[in-house]
Every structure is written in structure tokens, then in C-alpha cells.
Protein backbone atom coordinates (compact mmCIF):
# COMPACT_ATOMS: atom_id res chain seq x y z
CA MET A 1 0.00 0.00 0.00
CA LYS A 2 1.33 3.39 -0.98
CA GLU A 3 1.45 6.44 1.23
CA LEU A 4 -1.23 9.09 1.24
CA VAL A 5 -0.53 11.98 -1.10
CA TYR A 6 -2.00 15.37 -0.17
CA ARG A 7 -2.78 17.91 -2.87
CA GLU A 8 -5.25 20.57 -3.93
CA ALA A 9 -8.50 19.29 -5.38
CA LYS A 10 -9.20 19.75 -9.07
CA LEU A 11 -12.51 21.06 -10.33
CA ASP A 12 -13.15 18.01 -12.50
CA GLU A 13 -13.05 15.82 -9.35
CA TYR A 14 -16.06 17.43 -7.70
CA GLN A 15 -18.32 14.39 -8.20
CA LYS A 16 -15.76 11.93 -6.80
CA ILE A 17 -15.25 14.21 -3.81
CA GLY A 18 -19.01 14.55 -3.37
CA LYS A 19 -19.27 10.76 -3.19
CA VAL A 20 -16.51 10.58 -0.55
CA LEU A 21 -18.29 13.22 1.52
CA ALA A 22 -21.73 11.63 1.14
CA ASP A 23 -20.37 8.25 2.20
CA ALA A 24 -18.63 9.80 5.22
CA PHE A 25 -21.65 11.80 6.41
CA MET A 26 -24.51 9.46 5.42
CA ASP A 27 -25.36 8.70 9.07
CA TYR A 28 -24.31 12.04 10.56
CA PRO A 29 -27.30 13.24 12.65
CA PHE A 30 -27.20 16.81 11.36
CA MET A 31 -27.42 15.55 7.78
CA THR A 32 -30.11 12.94 8.42
CA LEU A 33 -32.45 15.71 9.60
CA ILE A 34 -33.31 16.41 5.99
CA LYS A 35 -34.57 12.89 5.20
CA ASP A 36 -38.13 13.66 6.27
CA ASP A 37 -38.22 16.78 4.10
CA LEU A 38 -37.32 14.97 0.90
CA LYS A 39 -40.02 14.06 -1.58
CA LYS A 40 -39.22 10.40 -0.77
CA PRO A 41 -36.96 9.25 2.09
CA GLU A 42 -35.22 6.76 -0.22
CA TYR A 43 -33.87 9.75 -2.19
CA TYR A 44 -31.56 10.56 0.71
CA PRO A 45 -28.32 8.92 -0.57
CA ALA A 46 -28.66 10.44 -4.07
CA PHE A 47 -29.67 13.82 -2.62
CA LEU A 48 -26.71 13.89 -0.24
CA GLU A 49 -24.23 12.92 -2.96
CA LEU A 50 -25.57 15.56 -5.35
CA MET A 51 -25.63 18.24 -2.64
CA ASP A 52 -22.06 17.43 -1.57
CA SER A 53 -20.90 17.40 -5.20
CA LEU A 54 -22.47 20.80 -5.92
CA LEU A 55 -21.03 22.32 -2.74
CA THR A 56 -17.63 20.84 -3.55
CA ARG A 57 -17.69 22.45 -6.98
CA LEU A 58 -18.53 25.82 -5.45
CA TYR A 59 -15.85 25.55 -2.78
CA ILE A 60 -13.10 24.36 -5.13
CA LYS A 61 -13.68 27.52 -7.15
CA GLY A 62 -13.43 29.88 -4.20
CA GLU A 63 -11.58 28.23 -1.31
CA THR A 64 -8.67 25.97 -0.48
CA TYR A 65 -9.81 22.39 -0.94
CA LEU A 66 -7.42 19.51 -0.30
CA VAL A 67 -7.64 15.80 -0.99
CA ALA A 68 -5.75 12.84 0.42
CA GLU A 69 -5.16 10.29 -2.30
CA GLN A 70 -3.88 6.71 -2.10
CA ASP A 71 -3.17 4.57 -5.13
CA GLY A 72 -5.01 7.15 -7.25
CA GLU A 73 -8.19 7.01 -5.13
CA ILE A 74 -9.45 9.96 -3.09
CA MET A 75 -9.63 8.78 0.52
CA ALA A 76 -10.28 12.02 2.41
CA VAL A 77 -10.93 15.71 1.85
CA ALA A 78 -10.39 18.92 3.77
CA LEU A 79 -11.99 22.28 3.12
CA LEU A 80 -10.36 25.41 4.48
CA GLN A 81 -13.32 27.76 4.29
CA GLN A 82 -12.68 31.43 4.94
CA LYS A 83 -15.71 33.14 3.44
CA ASP A 84 -19.43 32.66 3.17
CA PHE A 85 -21.16 32.21 -0.16
CA THR A 86 -24.31 33.97 -1.30
CA ILE A 87 -27.47 32.25 -2.44
CA LEU A 88 -26.61 33.48 -5.94
CA SER A 89 -23.35 31.52 -5.78
CA TYR A 90 -25.31 28.39 -4.90
CA LEU A 91 -27.78 28.99 -7.75
CA LEU A 92 -25.00 29.55 -10.28
CA ASN A 93 -23.42 26.26 -9.23
CA GLY A 94 -26.52 24.16 -9.82
CA VAL A 95 -28.32 23.97 -6.48
CA ASN A 96 -31.58 23.93 -8.47
CA LYS A 97 -30.72 20.33 -9.46
CA LEU A 98 -31.61 19.36 -5.89
CA PHE A 99 -35.25 20.25 -6.56
CA ARG A 100 -35.83 16.84 -8.09
CA TYR A 101 -35.45 15.48 -4.53
CA ILE A 102 -36.80 18.31 -2.37
CA THR A 103 -39.06 21.33 -2.75
CA PRO A 104 -37.39 24.75 -2.83
CA ARG A 105 -39.22 25.77 0.37
CA LYS A 106 -37.97 22.73 2.32
CA LEU A 107 -34.44 23.15 1.01
CA LEU A 108 -34.44 26.80 2.10
CA LYS A 109 -35.74 25.71 5.52
CA TYR A 110 -32.82 23.28 5.85
CA LEU A 111 -30.27 25.83 4.62
CA ASP A 112 -31.63 28.30 7.17
CA LEU A 113 -31.06 25.71 9.90
CA VAL A 114 -27.49 25.23 8.68
CA GLU A 115 -26.92 29.00 8.65
CA ARG A 116 -28.34 29.46 12.15
CA SER A 117 -26.21 26.58 13.44
CA GLU A 118 -23.06 28.07 11.92
CA GLN A 119 -23.91 31.47 13.41
CA HIS A 120 -24.43 29.88 16.81
CA LEU A 121 -21.00 28.23 16.60
CA LYS A 122 -19.38 31.53 15.61
CA ASN A 123 -21.07 33.25 18.57
CA GLN A 124 -19.84 30.52 20.92
CA GLU A 125 -16.29 30.87 19.59
CA THR A 126 -16.46 34.60 20.23
CA LEU A 127 -17.70 34.04 23.77
CA ILE A 128 -14.86 31.67 24.65
CA GLY A 129 -12.23 33.66 22.77
CA ILE A 130 -11.30 31.35 19.91
């Protein structure tokens, strides 16, 4: 077995990276919250993979995105996010493709939950001086 090689992600790898992320977070409680809001619960794996792929594409374009590769296969990813993206950025990167799995209203509800959670974490970091 070869060593892990770390490098910047390439834009044309966004679907492979999305699959790695979806597999890693399939059972993560914060992600599974959206299952009940999907048009059908069995859409969850495909929805998660597509969502992670679309977000990966957006982040590769505007942030530092690293992959760990072994024997030519992506084993892990790391995103060093420094800025927030606008809803327009999400729309321009294909978030509308998710609507085959979820209504726009329910997706916005979930994204609002994500935003409020991130804001809460930032507030907590400020309070404890991180």
C-alpha cells in the first residue's frame, strides 16, 4: 500500500469528492435531519451525494480544498473555508438540481437551519475567545 498523497483538489473531481463526503456523512445526525423533508426518504443517498458534489464544486472555485489520495483514489478531503457564499453563488453552481429530490421551500428551511447553526458556533467561539 502506498502512502497518502496530499494535494489541492481539481474542479473536475467534484463528483468523486461529493461521493466521498456523502459516504462519510450518510449517518451524521445533522445531515439525516433532511430525510423527512425529501419528496421520498429513499432519495436521501442520491440527494446527499448531489448536494455534496455541488457544494464541492462551489468551494473548489473559491476556497482551499485539499484531498488525500492513495493509489489514485481519493480517501479524504479537507476544506479550508474562509468566506461565506451567497445564495446566488449556490444557484450559479446548480443547487436547483436538488429540486428533483426536495421542494425549494424545504431546502431553504434546511439551509436556514445550517446557517443558524453556523452562526451559533461563531457566537460561541467569540464568547470563549477562539
